Amino acid sequence: MSGRPNFPTIVKEKAGAHHKHASSLLSVLLSKINTYRLREFADGSEL
């Protein structure tokens, strides 16, 4: 059980790094979606 307390911190660090990476990917995706929607709106197909 000596190595047990270290495990959650390792998981937290990995999850934190993954979350940062995922959030950056998500922001890129959201900006692409927003650009696409703006383009559609400017095109008049949404109206």
N, C-alpha and C. Protein backbone atom coordinates (compact mmCIF):
# COMPACT_ATOMS: atom_id res chain seq x y z
N MET A 1 0.83 -1.21 0.00
CA MET A 1 0.00 0.00 0.00
C MET A 1 0.87 1.26 0.00
N SER A 2 2.19 1.10 -0.02
CA SER A 2 3.06 2.27 0.07
C SER A 2 2.99 3.11 -1.21
N GLY A 3 2.81 2.44 -2.35
CA GLY A 3 2.76 3.17 -3.61
C GLY A 3 1.38 3.70 -3.94
N ARG A 4 0.43 3.40 -3.09
CA ARG A 4 -0.97 3.77 -3.39
C ARG A 4 -1.23 5.29 -3.40
N PRO A 5 -0.74 6.05 -2.40
CA PRO A 5 -1.04 7.49 -2.36
C PRO A 5 -0.50 8.25 -3.57
N ASN A 6 0.54 7.75 -4.22
CA ASN A 6 1.09 8.45 -5.38
C ASN A 6 0.19 8.33 -6.61
N PHE A 7 -0.58 7.27 -6.64
CA PHE A 7 -1.37 6.97 -7.84
C PHE A 7 -2.36 8.07 -8.21
N PRO A 8 -3.17 8.58 -7.28
CA PRO A 8 -4.14 9.64 -7.64
C PRO A 8 -3.48 10.89 -8.19
N THR A 9 -2.32 11.25 -7.66
CA THR A 9 -1.66 12.47 -8.15
C THR A 9 -1.18 12.27 -9.58
N ILE A 10 -0.67 11.07 -9.89
CA ILE A 10 -0.25 10.78 -11.26
C ILE A 10 -1.45 10.87 -12.20
N VAL A 11 -2.56 10.29 -11.77
CA VAL A 11 -3.77 10.33 -12.59
C VAL A 11 -4.24 11.77 -12.78
N LYS A 12 -4.17 12.55 -11.70
CA LYS A 12 -4.59 13.96 -11.78
C LYS A 12 -3.72 14.72 -12.77
N GLU A 13 -2.40 14.48 -12.70
CA GLU A 13 -1.49 15.18 -13.61
C GLU A 13 -1.78 14.80 -15.05
N LYS A 14 -1.96 13.51 -15.29
CA LYS A 14 -2.25 13.05 -16.65
C LYS A 14 -3.58 13.60 -17.13
N ALA A 15 -4.58 13.58 -16.25
CA ALA A 15 -5.90 14.09 -16.62
C ALA A 15 -5.83 15.58 -16.89
N GLY A 16 -5.04 16.30 -16.09
CA GLY A 16 -4.89 17.74 -16.29
C GLY A 16 -4.26 18.05 -17.63
N ALA A 17 -3.20 17.31 -17.99
CA ALA A 17 -2.54 17.53 -19.27
C ALA A 17 -3.49 17.20 -20.41
N HIS A 18 -4.22 16.10 -20.26
CA HIS A 18 -5.17 15.70 -21.30
C HIS A 18 -6.28 16.72 -21.42
N HIS A 19 -6.72 17.26 -20.29
CA HIS A 19 -7.81 18.25 -20.31
C HIS A 19 -7.35 19.52 -21.02
N LYS A 20 -6.11 19.94 -20.76
CA LYS A 20 -5.58 21.13 -21.44
C LYS A 20 -5.57 20.89 -22.94
N HIS A 21 -5.07 19.72 -23.35
CA HIS A 21 -4.99 19.38 -24.77
C HIS A 21 -6.38 19.33 -25.38
N ALA A 22 -7.31 18.71 -24.69
CA ALA A 22 -8.66 18.56 -25.20
C ALA A 22 -9.35 19.91 -25.30
N SER A 23 -9.13 20.78 -24.33
CA SER A 23 -9.79 22.09 -24.35
C SER A 23 -9.25 22.93 -25.50
N SER A 24 -7.95 22.80 -25.80
CA SER A 24 -7.40 23.56 -26.93
C SER A 24 -7.97 23.03 -28.23
N LEU A 25 -8.10 21.71 -28.35
CA LEU A 25 -8.71 21.12 -29.54
C LEU A 25 -10.16 21.57 -29.66
N LEU A 26 -10.85 21.61 -28.53
CA LEU A 26 -12.26 22.00 -28.53
C LEU A 26 -12.41 23.45 -28.96
N SER A 27 -11.52 24.32 -28.49
CA SER A 27 -11.62 25.74 -28.85
C SER A 27 -11.37 25.91 -30.35
N VAL A 28 -10.43 25.15 -30.89
CA VAL A 28 -10.18 25.21 -32.34
C VAL A 28 -11.41 24.75 -33.10
N LEU A 29 -12.01 23.66 -32.63
CA LEU A 29 -13.20 23.12 -33.28
C LEU A 29 -14.35 24.12 -33.20
N LEU A 30 -14.52 24.75 -32.03
CA LEU A 30 -15.60 25.73 -31.86
C LEU A 30 -15.39 26.92 -32.78
N SER A 31 -14.15 27.38 -32.91
CA SER A 31 -13.90 28.53 -33.78
C SER A 31 -14.19 28.16 -35.23
N LYS A 32 -13.87 26.93 -35.62
CA LYS A 32 -14.18 26.48 -36.98
C LYS A 32 -15.69 26.43 -37.20
N ILE A 33 -16.41 25.92 -36.21
CA ILE A 33 -17.87 25.84 -36.31
C ILE A 33 -18.46 27.24 -36.40
N ASN A 34 -17.95 28.16 -35.57
CA ASN A 34 -18.45 29.54 -35.59
C ASN A 34 -18.18 30.19 -36.94
N THR A 35 -17.00 29.96 -37.51
CA THR A 35 -16.67 30.52 -38.81
C THR A 35 -17.63 29.97 -39.87
N TYR A 36 -17.90 28.66 -39.79
CA TYR A 36 -18.80 28.03 -40.75
C TYR A 36 -20.21 28.60 -40.63
N ARG A 37 -20.66 28.78 -39.39
CA ARG A 37 -22.01 29.32 -39.17
C ARG A 37 -22.10 30.76 -39.65
N LEU A 38 -21.07 31.54 -39.39
CA LEU A 38 -21.06 32.93 -39.85
C LEU A 38 -21.11 32.96 -41.37
N ARG A 39 -20.36 32.06 -41.99
CA ARG A 39 -20.35 32.00 -43.45
C ARG A 39 -21.74 31.64 -43.97
N GLU A 40 -22.38 30.66 -43.32
CA GLU A 40 -23.73 30.27 -43.73
C GLU A 40 -24.70 31.43 -43.55
N PHE A 41 -24.55 32.13 -42.42
CA PHE A 41 -25.45 33.24 -42.13
C PHE A 41 -25.25 34.36 -43.15
N ALA A 42 -23.99 34.63 -43.49
CA ALA A 42 -23.70 35.68 -44.48
C ALA A 42 -24.20 35.26 -45.86
N ASP A 43 -24.21 33.96 -46.09
CA ASP A 43 -24.67 33.44 -47.38
C ASP A 43 -26.18 33.58 -47.50
N GLY A 44 -26.87 33.61 -46.37
CA GLY A 44 -28.32 33.78 -46.39
C GLY A 44 -29.07 32.46 -46.39
N SER A 45 -28.36 31.34 -46.29
CA SER A 45 -29.03 30.04 -46.30
C SER A 45 -29.72 29.76 -44.96
N GLU A 46 -29.22 30.41 -43.88
CA GLU A 46 -29.83 30.21 -42.56
C GLU A 46 -31.16 30.96 -42.49
N LEU A 47 -31.27 32.07 -43.18
CA LEU A 47 -32.50 32.85 -43.16
C LEU A 47 -33.49 32.20 -44.11
